Amino acid sequence: MSKEYPCVYYRGNGLCRYGNDESEANVCVMGPCPYQTPSNGDRIRVMSDEELAETIYGLQKEIARHVVIRLGYPGKILAFEESSPQLLEWLKQPAEQEG
């Protein structure tokens, strides 16, 4: 994990609270925490726009393949572009304001 997304045991000022140790000697490694496995959300939050676009695009292709099979067209070959330029463009746009 990076400093932007410290692990759940990080308590600030470079200290760690793993094992309920609140002493000043319990220093955080500020790297991959040996006591914490990143969640799927953690992995998504540290992805670049390009990585996220490729991941979402891959999921879209997999869903489309499953739909074609469920509709009874298992021999149908789906053609996809090799990249996801529109998705990447959308990810880089400013977020729309709610309300």
PDB file of N, CA and C in Angstrom:
ATOM      1  N   MET A   1       0.849  -1.178   0.000  1.00  0.00           N
ATOM      2  CA  MET A   1       0.000   0.000   0.000  1.00  0.00           C
ATOM      3  C   MET A   1       0.894   1.239   0.000  1.00  0.00           C
ATOM      4  N   SER A   2       0.365   2.328  -0.478  1.00  0.00           N
ATOM      5  CA  SER A   2       1.153   3.546  -0.553  1.00  0.00           C
ATOM      6  C   SER A   2       0.826   4.463   0.618  1.00  0.00           C
ATOM      7  N   LYS A   3       1.591   5.536   0.733  1.00  0.00           N
ATOM      8  CA  LYS A   3       1.340   6.497   1.810  1.00  0.00           C
ATOM      9  C   LYS A   3      -0.023   7.156   1.663  1.00  0.00           C
ATOM     10  N   GLU A   4      -0.524   7.251   0.412  1.00  0.00           N
ATOM     11  CA  GLU A   4      -1.841   7.836   0.197  1.00  0.00           C
ATOM     12  C   GLU A   4      -2.942   6.925   0.739  1.00  0.00           C
ATOM     13  N   TYR A   5      -2.685   5.629   0.772  1.00  0.00           N
ATOM     14  CA  TYR A   5      -3.658   4.656   1.256  1.00  0.00           C
ATOM     15  C   TYR A   5      -2.991   3.747   2.278  1.00  0.00           C
ATOM     16  N   PRO A   6      -2.662   4.292   3.457  1.00  0.00           N
ATOM     17  CA  PRO A   6      -1.988   3.471   4.457  1.00  0.00           C
ATOM     18  C   PRO A   6      -2.896   2.355   4.959  1.00  0.00           C
ATOM     19  N   CYS A   7      -2.297   1.344   5.550  1.00  0.00           N
ATOM     20  CA  CYS A   7      -3.084   0.204   6.010  1.00  0.00           C
ATOM     21  C   CYS A   7      -3.948   0.568   7.212  1.00  0.00           C
ATOM     22  N   VAL A   8      -4.836  -0.327   7.575  1.00  0.00           N
ATOM     23  CA  VAL A   8      -5.791  -0.064   8.654  1.00  0.00           C
ATOM     24  C   VAL A   8      -5.112   0.082  10.003  1.00  0.00           C
ATOM     25  N   TYR A   9      -3.882  -0.366  10.145  1.00  0.00           N
ATOM     26  CA  TYR A   9      -3.170  -0.259  11.426  1.00  0.00           C
ATOM     27  C   TYR A   9      -2.406   1.054  11.554  1.00  0.00           C
ATOM     28  N   TYR A  10      -2.300   1.813  10.474  1.00  0.00           N
ATOM     29  CA  TYR A  10      -1.573   3.080  10.518  1.00  0.00           C
ATOM     30  C   TYR A  10      -2.311   4.071  11.407  1.00  0.00           C
ATOM     31  N   ARG A  11      -1.589   4.719  12.332  1.00  0.00           N
ATOM     32  CA  ARG A  11      -2.240   5.679  13.228  1.00  0.00           C
ATOM     33  C   ARG A  11      -1.668   7.086  13.124  1.00  0.00           C
ATOM     34  N   GLY A  12      -0.928   7.362  12.086  1.00  0.00           N
ATOM     35  CA  GLY A  12      -0.396   8.707  11.882  1.00  0.00           C
ATOM     36  C   GLY A  12       1.012   8.862  12.430  1.00  0.00           C
ATOM     37  N   ASN A  13       1.706   9.884  11.959  1.00  0.00           N
ATOM     38  CA  ASN A  13       3.066  10.187  12.395  1.00  0.00           C
ATOM     39  C   ASN A  13       4.013   9.008  12.256  1.00  0.00           C
ATOM     40  N   GLY A  14       3.755   8.144  11.288  1.00  0.00           N
ATOM     41  CA  GLY A  14       4.644   7.018  11.039  1.00  0.00           C
ATOM     42  C   GLY A  14       4.534   5.883  12.038  1.00  0.00           C
ATOM     43  N   LEU A  15       3.451   5.860  12.818  1.00  0.00           N
ATOM     44  CA  LEU A  15       3.294   4.826  13.842  1.00  0.00           C
ATOM     45  C   LEU A  15       2.228   3.811  13.448  1.00  0.00           C
ATOM     46  N   CYS A  16       2.316   2.649  14.082  1.00  0.00           N
ATOM     47  CA  CYS A  16       1.426   1.532  13.792  1.00  0.00           C
ATOM     48  C   CYS A  16       0.701   1.119  15.070  1.00  0.00           C
ATOM     49  N   ARG A  17      -0.531   0.620  14.942  1.00  0.00           N
ATOM     50  CA  ARG A  17      -1.270   0.144  16.115  1.00  0.00           C
ATOM     51  C   ARG A  17      -1.512  -1.356  16.080  1.00  0.00           C
ATOM     52  N   TYR A  18      -0.785  -2.089  15.218  1.00  0.00           N
ATOM     53  CA  TYR A  18      -0.984  -3.530  15.132  1.00  0.00           C
ATOM     54  C   TYR A  18      -0.707  -4.177  16.491  1.00  0.00           C
ATOM     55  N   GLY A  19      -1.542  -5.136  16.841  1.00  0.00           N
ATOM     56  CA  GLY A  19      -1.382  -5.851  18.105  1.00  0.00           C
ATOM     57  C   GLY A  19      -1.762  -5.007  19.308  1.00  0.00           C
ATOM     58  N   ASN A  20      -2.546  -3.961  19.086  1.00  0.00           N
ATOM     59  CA  ASN A  20      -2.957  -3.034  20.152  1.00  0.00           C
ATOM     60  C   ASN A  20      -1.769  -2.388  20.850  1.00  0.00           C
ATOM     61  N   ASP A  21      -0.649  -2.293  20.160  1.00  0.00           N
ATOM     62  CA  ASP A  21       0.551  -1.662  20.708  1.00  0.00           C
ATOM     63  C   ASP A  21       0.526  -0.191  20.315  1.00  0.00           C
ATOM     64  N   GLU A  22       0.233   0.676  21.257  1.00  0.00           N
ATOM     65  CA  GLU A  22       0.158   2.115  20.997  1.00  0.00           C
ATOM     66  C   GLU A  22       1.453   2.834  21.371  1.00  0.00           C
ATOM     67  N   SER A  23       2.526   2.079  21.627  1.00  0.00           N
ATOM     68  CA  SER A  23       3.782   2.706  22.048  1.00  0.00           C
ATOM     69  C   SER A  23       4.471   3.389  20.869  1.00  0.00           C
ATOM     70  N   GLU A  24       5.396   4.286  21.171  1.00  0.00           N
ATOM     71  CA  GLU A  24       6.156   5.001  20.147  1.00  0.00           C
ATOM     72  C   GLU A  24       7.136   4.074  19.443  1.00  0.00           C
ATOM     73  N   ALA A  25       7.368   2.875  19.993  1.00  0.00           N
ATOM     74  CA  ALA A  25       8.303   1.931  19.384  1.00  0.00           C
ATOM     75  C   ALA A  25       7.661   1.134  18.254  1.00  0.00           C
ATOM     76  N   ASN A  26       6.355   1.172  18.155  1.00  0.00           N
ATOM     77  CA  ASN A  26       5.646   0.413  17.131  1.00  0.00           C
ATOM     78  C   ASN A  26       5.565   1.268  15.864  1.00  0.00           C
ATOM     79  N   VAL A  27       6.600   1.214  15.054  1.00  0.00           N
ATOM     80  CA  VAL A  27       6.736   2.047  13.859  1.00  0.00           C
ATOM     81  C   VAL A  27       6.103   1.351  12.655  1.00  0.00           C
ATOM     82  N   CYS A  28       5.384   2.135  11.843  1.00  0.00           N
ATOM     83  CA  CYS A  28       4.748   1.609  10.633  1.00  0.00           C
ATOM     84  C   CYS A  28       5.806   1.432   9.547  1.00  0.00           C
ATOM     85  N   VAL A  29       5.708   0.339   8.782  1.00  0.00           N
ATOM     86  CA  VAL A  29       6.673   0.084   7.712  1.00  0.00           C
ATOM     87  C   VAL A  29       6.421   0.962   6.489  1.00  0.00           C
ATOM     88  N   MET A  30       5.213   1.558   6.384  1.00  0.00           N
ATOM     89  CA  MET A  30       4.830   2.432   5.267  1.00  0.00           C
ATOM     90  C   MET A  30       5.089   1.779   3.915  1.00  0.00           C
ATOM     91  N   GLY A  31       4.975   0.514   3.862  1.00  0.00           N
ATOM     92  CA  GLY A  31       5.095  -0.225   2.617  1.00  0.00           C
ATOM     93  C   GLY A  31       4.022  -1.285   2.637  1.00  0.00           C
ATOM     94  N   PRO A  32       4.201  -2.357   1.907  1.00  0.00           N
ATOM     95  CA  PRO A  32       3.217  -3.434   2.023  1.00  0.00           C
ATOM     96  C   PRO A  32       3.205  -3.946   3.460  1.00  0.00           C
ATOM     97  N   CYS A  33       2.091  -3.821   4.111  1.00  0.00           N
ATOM     98  CA  CYS A  33       1.981  -4.219   5.516  1.00  0.00           C
ATOM     99  C   CYS A  33       1.952  -5.749   5.596  1.00  0.00           C
ATOM    100  N   PRO A  34       2.851  -6.344   6.360  1.00  0.00           N
ATOM    101  CA  PRO A  34       2.860  -7.798   6.453  1.00  0.00           C
ATOM    102  C   PRO A  34       1.655  -8.349   7.204  1.00  0.00           C
ATOM    103  N   TYR A  35       0.895  -7.500   7.856  1.00  0.00           N
ATOM    104  CA  TYR A  35      -0.246  -7.942   8.657  1.00  0.00           C
ATOM    105  C   TYR A  35      -1.583  -7.720   7.969  1.00  0.00           C
ATOM    106  N   GLN A  36      -1.587  -7.076   6.831  1.00  0.00           N
ATOM    107  CA  GLN A  36      -2.841  -6.757   6.167  1.00  0.00           C
ATOM    108  C   GLN A  36      -2.789  -7.166   4.703  1.00  0.00           C
ATOM    109  N   THR A  37      -3.827  -7.829   4.259  1.00  0.00           N
ATOM    110  CA  THR A  37      -3.986  -8.151   2.852  1.00  0.00           C
ATOM    111  C   THR A  37      -4.890  -7.080   2.252  1.00  0.00           C
ATOM    112  N   PRO A  38      -4.458  -6.433   1.170  1.00  0.00           N
ATOM    113  CA  PRO A  38      -5.300  -5.389   0.582  1.00  0.00           C
ATOM    114  C   PRO A  38      -6.646  -5.953   0.123  1.00  0.00           C
ATOM    115  N   SER A  39      -7.690  -5.182   0.318  1.00  0.00           N
ATOM    116  CA  SER A  39      -9.015  -5.581  -0.151  1.00  0.00           C
ATOM    117  C   SER A  39      -9.118  -5.288  -1.644  1.00  0.00           C
ATOM    118  N   ASN A  40     -10.174  -5.774  -2.262  1.00  0.00           N
ATOM    119  CA  ASN A  40     -10.411  -5.451  -3.671  1.00  0.00           C
ATOM    120  C   ASN A  40     -10.561  -3.947  -3.847  1.00  0.00           C
ATOM    121  N   GLY A  41     -11.223  -3.294  -2.896  1.00  0.00           N
ATOM    122  CA  GLY A  41     -11.372  -1.836  -2.961  1.00  0.00           C
ATOM    123  C   GLY A  41     -10.027  -1.128  -2.909  1.00  0.00           C
ATOM    124  N   ASP A  42      -9.112  -1.627  -2.041  1.00  0.00           N
ATOM    125  CA  ASP A  42      -7.770  -1.047  -1.961  1.00  0.00           C
ATOM    126  C   ASP A  42      -7.063  -1.159  -3.306  1.00  0.00           C
ATOM    127  N   ARG A  43      -7.175  -2.316  -3.929  1.00  0.00           N
ATOM    128  CA  ARG A  43      -6.514  -2.531  -5.215  1.00  0.00           C
ATOM    129  C   ARG A  43      -7.076  -1.602  -6.289  1.00  0.00           C
ATOM    130  N   ILE A  44      -8.390  -1.387  -6.274  1.00  0.00           N
ATOM    131  CA  ILE A  44      -9.017  -0.499  -7.252  1.00  0.00           C
ATOM    132  C   ILE A  44      -8.576   0.938  -7.015  1.00  0.00           C
ATOM    133  N   ARG A  45      -8.530   1.378  -5.739  1.00  0.00           N
ATOM    134  CA  ARG A  45      -8.175   2.764  -5.438  1.00  0.00           C
ATOM    135  C   ARG A  45      -6.761   3.135  -5.869  1.00  0.00           C
ATOM    136  N   VAL A  46      -5.846   2.185  -5.937  1.00  0.00           N
ATOM    137  CA  VAL A  46      -4.474   2.518  -6.318  1.00  0.00           C
ATOM    138  C   VAL A  46      -4.198   2.299  -7.807  1.00  0.00           C
ATOM    139  N   MET A  47      -5.220   1.898  -8.582  1.00  0.00           N
ATOM    140  CA  MET A  47      -5.038   1.708 -10.022  1.00  0.00           C
ATOM    141  C   MET A  47      -4.932   3.054 -10.732  1.00  0.00           C
ATOM    142  N   SER A  48      -4.148   3.059 -11.803  1.00  0.00           N
ATOM    143  CA  SER A  48      -4.121   4.240 -12.673  1.00  0.00           C
ATOM    144  C   SER A  48      -5.397   4.238 -13.512  1.00  0.00           C
ATOM    145  N   ASP A  49      -5.683   5.350 -14.175  1.00  0.00           N
ATOM    146  CA  ASP A  49      -6.846   5.416 -15.065  1.00  0.00           C
ATOM    147  C   ASP A  49      -6.753   4.344 -16.146  1.00  0.00           C
ATOM    148  N   GLU A  50      -5.551   4.158 -16.684  1.00  0.00           N
ATOM    149  CA  GLU A  50      -5.360   3.170 -17.737  1.00  0.00           C
ATOM    150  C   GLU A  50      -5.627   1.750 -17.232  1.00  0.00           C
ATOM    151  N   GLU A  51      -5.131   1.421 -16.038  1.00  0.00           N
ATOM    152  CA  GLU A  51      -5.363   0.090 -15.467  1.00  0.00           C
ATOM    153  C   GLU A  51      -6.841  -0.138 -15.185  1.00  0.00           C
ATOM    154  N   LEU A  52      -7.507   0.876 -14.647  1.00  0.00           N
ATOM    155  CA  LEU A  52      -8.924   0.756 -14.335  1.00  0.00           C
ATOM    156  C   LEU A  52      -9.746   0.596 -15.610  1.00  0.00           C
ATOM    157  N   ALA A  53      -9.422   1.361 -16.639  1.00  0.00           N
ATOM    158  CA  ALA A  53     -10.145   1.248 -17.910  1.00  0.00           C
ATOM    159  C   ALA A  53      -9.994  -0.157 -18.486  1.00  0.00           C
ATOM    160  N   GLU A  54      -8.799  -0.700 -18.478  1.00  0.00           N
ATOM    161  CA  GLU A  54      -8.571  -2.050 -19.004  1.00  0.00           C
ATOM    162  C   GLU A  54      -9.301  -3.106 -18.169  1.00  0.00           C
ATOM    163  N   THR A  55      -9.344  -2.934 -16.851  1.00  0.00           N
ATOM    164  CA  THR A  55     -10.050  -3.879 -15.988  1.00  0.00           C
ATOM    165  C   THR A  55     -11.544  -3.856 -16.263  1.00  0.00           C
ATOM    166  N   ILE A  56     -12.128  -2.667 -16.323  1.00  0.00           N
ATOM    167  CA  ILE A  56     -13.560  -2.543 -16.598  1.00  0.00           C
ATOM    168  C   ILE A  56     -13.878  -3.083 -17.992  1.00  0.00           C
ATOM    169  N   TYR A  57     -13.035  -2.767 -18.969  1.00  0.00           N
ATOM    170  CA  TYR A  57     -13.236  -3.234 -20.339  1.00  0.00           C
ATOM    171  C   TYR A  57     -13.205  -4.759 -20.402  1.00  0.00           C
ATOM    172  N   GLY A  58     -12.275  -5.364 -19.694  1.00  0.00           N
ATOM    173  CA  GLY A  58     -12.192  -6.815 -19.648  1.00  0.00           C
ATOM    174  C   GLY A  58     -13.442  -7.436 -19.042  1.00  0.00           C
ATOM    175  N   LEU A  59     -13.969  -6.813 -17.991  1.00  0.00           N
ATOM    176  CA  LEU A  59     -15.205  -7.299 -17.376  1.00  0.00           C
ATOM    177  C   LEU A  59     -16.385  -7.174 -18.338  1.00  0.00           C
ATOM    178  N   GLN A  60     -16.446  -6.072 -19.075  1.00  0.00           N
ATOM    179  CA  GLN A  60     -17.516  -5.886 -20.055  1.00  0.00           C
ATOM    180  C   GLN A  60     -17.471  -6.987 -21.117  1.00  0.00           C
ATOM    181  N   LYS A  61     -16.279  -7.319 -21.591  1.00  0.00           N
ATOM    182  CA  LYS A  61     -16.144  -8.374 -22.599  1.00  0.00           C
ATOM    183  C   LYS A  61     -16.593  -9.719 -22.045  1.00  0.00           C
ATOM    184  N   GLU A  62     -16.228 -10.010 -20.800  1.00  0.00           N
ATOM    185  CA  GLU A  62     -16.601 -11.281 -20.182  1.00  0.00           C
ATOM    186  C   GLU A  62     -18.116 -11.378 -20.003  1.00  0.00           C
ATOM    187  N   ILE A  63     -18.746 -10.288 -19.588  1.00  0.00           N
ATOM    188  CA  ILE A  63     -20.207 -10.269 -19.437  1.00  0.00           C
ATOM    189  C   ILE A  63     -20.871 -10.495 -20.796  1.00  0.00           C
ATOM    190  N   ALA A  64     -20.376  -9.829 -21.837  1.00  0.00           N
ATOM    191  CA  ALA A  64     -20.955  -9.994 -23.182  1.00  0.00           C
ATOM    192  C   ALA A  64     -20.848 -11.438 -23.645  1.00  0.00           C
ATOM    193  N   ARG A  65     -19.732 -12.078 -23.383  1.00  0.00           N
ATOM    194  CA  ARG A  65     -19.564 -13.484 -23.774  1.00  0.00           C
ATOM    195  C   ARG A  65     -20.581 -14.376 -23.054  1.00  0.00           C
ATOM    196  N   HIS A  66     -20.785 -14.128 -21.772  1.00  0.00           N
ATOM    197  CA  HIS A  66     -21.751 -14.919 -21.004  1.00  0.00           C
ATOM    198  C   HIS A  66     -23.177 -14.718 -21.522  1.00  0.00           C
ATOM    199  N   VAL A  67     -23.524 -13.497 -21.887  1.00  0.00           N
ATOM    200  CA  VAL A  67     -24.859 -13.213 -22.415  1.00  0.00           C
ATOM    201  C   VAL A  67     -25.074 -13.957 -23.727  1.00  0.00           C
ATOM    202  N   VAL A  68     -24.093 -13.921 -24.612  1.00  0.00           N
ATOM    203  CA  VAL A  68     -24.205 -14.611 -25.899  1.00  0.00           C
ATOM    204  C   VAL A  68     -24.404 -16.111 -25.678  1.00  0.00           C
ATOM    205  N   ILE A  69     -23.675 -16.687 -24.767  1.00  0.00           N
ATOM    206  CA  ILE A  69     -23.808 -18.121 -24.473  1.00  0.00           C
ATOM    207  C   ILE A  69     -25.181 -18.421 -23.884  1.00  0.00           C
ATOM    208  N   ARG A  70     -25.648 -17.586 -22.950  1.00  0.00           N
ATOM    209  CA  ARG A  70     -26.960 -17.796 -22.326  1.00  0.00           C
ATOM    210  C   ARG A  70     -28.100 -17.643 -23.327  1.00  0.00           C
ATOM    211  N   LEU A  71     -27.904 -16.845 -24.348  1.00  0.00           N
ATOM    212  CA  LEU A  71     -28.928 -16.671 -25.378  1.00  0.00           C
ATOM    213  C   LEU A  71     -28.927 -17.828 -26.383  1.00  0.00           C
ATOM    214  N   GLY A  72     -27.985 -18.738 -26.231  1.00  0.00           N
ATOM    215  CA  GLY A  72     -27.950 -19.908 -27.089  1.00  0.00           C
ATOM    216  C   GLY A  72     -27.133 -19.764 -28.345  1.00  0.00           C
ATOM    217  N   TYR A  73     -26.192 -18.860 -28.361  1.00  0.00           N
ATOM    218  CA  TYR A  73     -25.334 -18.668 -29.526  1.00  0.00           C
ATOM    219  C   TYR A  73     -23.878 -18.971 -29.169  1.00  0.00           C
ATOM    220  N   PRO A  74     -23.584 -20.176 -28.655  1.00  0.00           N
ATOM    221  CA  PRO A  74     -22.217 -20.451 -28.220  1.00  0.00           C
ATOM    222  C   PRO A  74     -21.197 -20.425 -29.344  1.00  0.00           C
ATOM    223  N   GLY A  75     -21.619 -20.628 -30.586  1.00  0.00           N
ATOM    224  CA  GLY A  75     -20.693 -20.601 -31.713  1.00  0.00           C
ATOM    225  C   GLY A  75     -20.409 -19.191 -32.207  1.00  0.00           C
ATOM    226  N   LYS A  76     -21.184 -18.220 -31.746  1.00  0.00           N
ATOM    227  CA  LYS A  76     -21.033 -16.835 -32.203  1.00  0.00           C
ATOM    228  C   LYS A  76     -19.728 -16.248 -31.661  1.00  0.00           C
ATOM    229  N   ILE A  77     -18.922 -15.710 -32.532  1.00  0.00           N
ATOM    230  CA  ILE A  77     -17.662 -15.102 -32.123  1.00  0.00           C
ATOM    231  C   ILE A  77     -17.879 -13.605 -31.979  1.00  0.00           C
ATOM    232  N   LEU A  78     -17.525 -13.090 -30.827  1.00  0.00           N
ATOM    233  CA  LEU A  78     -17.643 -11.655 -30.581  1.00  0.00           C
ATOM    234  C   LEU A  78     -16.323 -10.977 -30.911  1.00  0.00           C
ATOM    235  N   ALA A  79     -16.398  -9.853 -31.579  1.00  0.00           N
ATOM    236  CA  ALA A  79     -15.202  -9.092 -31.913  1.00  0.00           C
ATOM    237  C   ALA A  79     -15.155  -7.840 -31.045  1.00  0.00           C
ATOM    238  N   PHE A  80     -14.025  -7.617 -30.427  1.00  0.00           N
ATOM    239  CA  PHE A  80     -13.831  -6.439 -29.576  1.00  0.00           C
ATOM    240  C   PHE A  80     -12.590  -5.698 -30.035  1.00  0.00           C
ATOM    241  N   GLU A  81     -12.608  -4.399 -29.816  1.00  0.00           N
ATOM    242  CA  GLU A  81     -11.398  -3.624 -30.049  1.00  0.00           C
ATOM    243  C   GLU A  81     -10.371  -4.040 -29.002  1.00  0.00           C
ATOM    244  N   GLU A  82      -9.117  -3.794 -29.280  1.00  0.00           N
ATOM    245  CA  GLU A  82      -8.058  -4.220 -28.369  1.00  0.00           C
ATOM    246  C   GLU A  82      -7.893  -3.308 -27.151  1.00  0.00           C
ATOM    247  N   SER A  83      -8.496  -2.147 -27.181  1.00  0.00           N
ATOM    248  CA  SER A  83      -8.336  -1.238 -26.042  1.00  0.00           C
ATOM    249  C   SER A  83      -9.664  -0.563 -25.734  1.00  0.00           C
ATOM    250  N   SER A  84      -9.638   0.295 -24.765  1.00  0.00           N
ATOM    251  CA  SER A  84     -10.867   0.942 -24.315  1.00  0.00           C
ATOM    252  C   SER A  84     -10.714   2.462 -24.306  1.00  0.00           C
ATOM    253  N   PRO A  85     -10.509   3.101 -25.451  1.00  0.00           N
ATOM    254  CA  PRO A  85     -10.255   4.540 -25.467  1.00  0.00           C
ATOM    255  C   PRO A  85     -11.413   5.384 -24.941  1.00  0.00           C
ATOM    256  N   GLN A  86     -12.665   5.005 -25.251  1.00  0.00           N
ATOM    257  CA  GLN A  86     -13.799   5.808 -24.773  1.00  0.00           C
ATOM    258  C   GLN A  86     -13.925   5.723 -23.253  1.00  0.00           C
ATOM    259  N   LEU A  87     -13.710   4.538 -22.716  1.00  0.00           N
ATOM    260  CA  LEU A  87     -13.789   4.354 -21.271  1.00  0.00           C
ATOM    261  C   LEU A  87     -12.691   5.154 -20.571  1.00  0.00           C
ATOM    262  N   LEU A  88     -11.491   5.120 -21.101  1.00  0.00           N
ATOM    263  CA  LEU A  88     -10.384   5.881 -20.522  1.00  0.00           C
ATOM    264  C   LEU A  88     -10.675   7.379 -20.585  1.00  0.00           C
ATOM    265  N   GLU A  89     -11.225   7.837 -21.701  1.00  0.00           N
ATOM    266  CA  GLU A  89     -11.584   9.257 -21.842  1.00  0.00           C
ATOM    267  C   GLU A  89     -12.605   9.649 -20.773  1.00  0.00           C
ATOM    268  N   TRP A  90     -13.607   8.785 -20.524  1.00  0.00           N
ATOM    269  CA  TRP A  90     -14.631   9.064 -19.522  1.00  0.00           C
ATOM    270  C   TRP A  90     -14.016   9.098 -18.121  1.00  0.00           C
ATOM    271  N   LEU A  91     -13.103   8.188 -17.812  1.00  0.00           N
ATOM    272  CA  LEU A  91     -12.475   8.156 -16.495  1.00  0.00           C
ATOM    273  C   LEU A  91     -11.683   9.428 -16.211  1.00  0.00           C
ATOM    274  N   LYS A  92     -11.154  10.050 -17.239  1.00  0.00           N
ATOM    275  CA  LYS A  92     -10.335  11.248 -17.058  1.00  0.00           C
ATOM    276  C   LYS A  92     -11.150  12.540 -17.006  1.00  0.00           C
ATOM    277  N   GLN A  93     -12.458  12.453 -17.261  1.00  0.00           N
ATOM    278  CA  GLN A  93     -13.305  13.647 -17.209  1.00  0.00           C
ATOM    279  C   GLN A  93     -13.616  14.016 -15.758  1.00  0.00           C
ATOM    280  N   PRO A  94     -13.894  15.314 -15.494  1.00  0.00           N
ATOM    281  CA  PRO A  94     -14.297  15.714 -14.148  1.00  0.00           C
ATOM    282  C   PRO A  94     -15.609  15.030 -13.766  1.00  0.00           C
ATOM    283  N   ALA A  95     -15.740  14.705 -12.505  1.00  0.00           N
ATOM    284  CA  ALA A  95     -16.970  14.066 -12.022  1.00  0.00           C
ATOM    285  C   ALA A  95     -18.129  15.048 -12.096  1.00  0.00           C
ATOM    286  N   GLU A  96     -19.295  14.542 -12.435  1.00  0.00           N
ATOM    287  CA  GLU A  96     -20.482  15.383 -12.471  1.00  0.00           C
ATOM    288  C   GLU A  96     -20.942  15.643 -11.037  1.00  0.00           C
ATOM    289  N   GLN A  97     -21.427  16.861 -10.815  1.00  0.00           N
ATOM    290  CA  GLN A  97     -21.911  17.228  -9.489  1.00  0.00           C
ATOM    291  C   GLN A  97     -23.282  16.621  -9.250  1.00  0.00           C
ATOM    292  N   GLU A  98     -23.505  16.075  -8.065  1.00  0.00           N
ATOM    293  CA  GLU A  98     -24.800  15.506  -7.727  1.00  0.00           C
ATOM    294  C   GLU A  98     -25.750  16.600  -7.264  1.00  0.00           C
ATOM    295  N   GLY A  99     -27.044  16.350  -7.491  1.00  0.00           N
ATOM    296  CA  GLY A  99     -28.069  17.247  -6.964  1.00  0.00           C
ATOM    297  C   GLY A  99     -28.248  18.417  -7.805  1.00  0.00           C
TER     298      GLY A  99
END
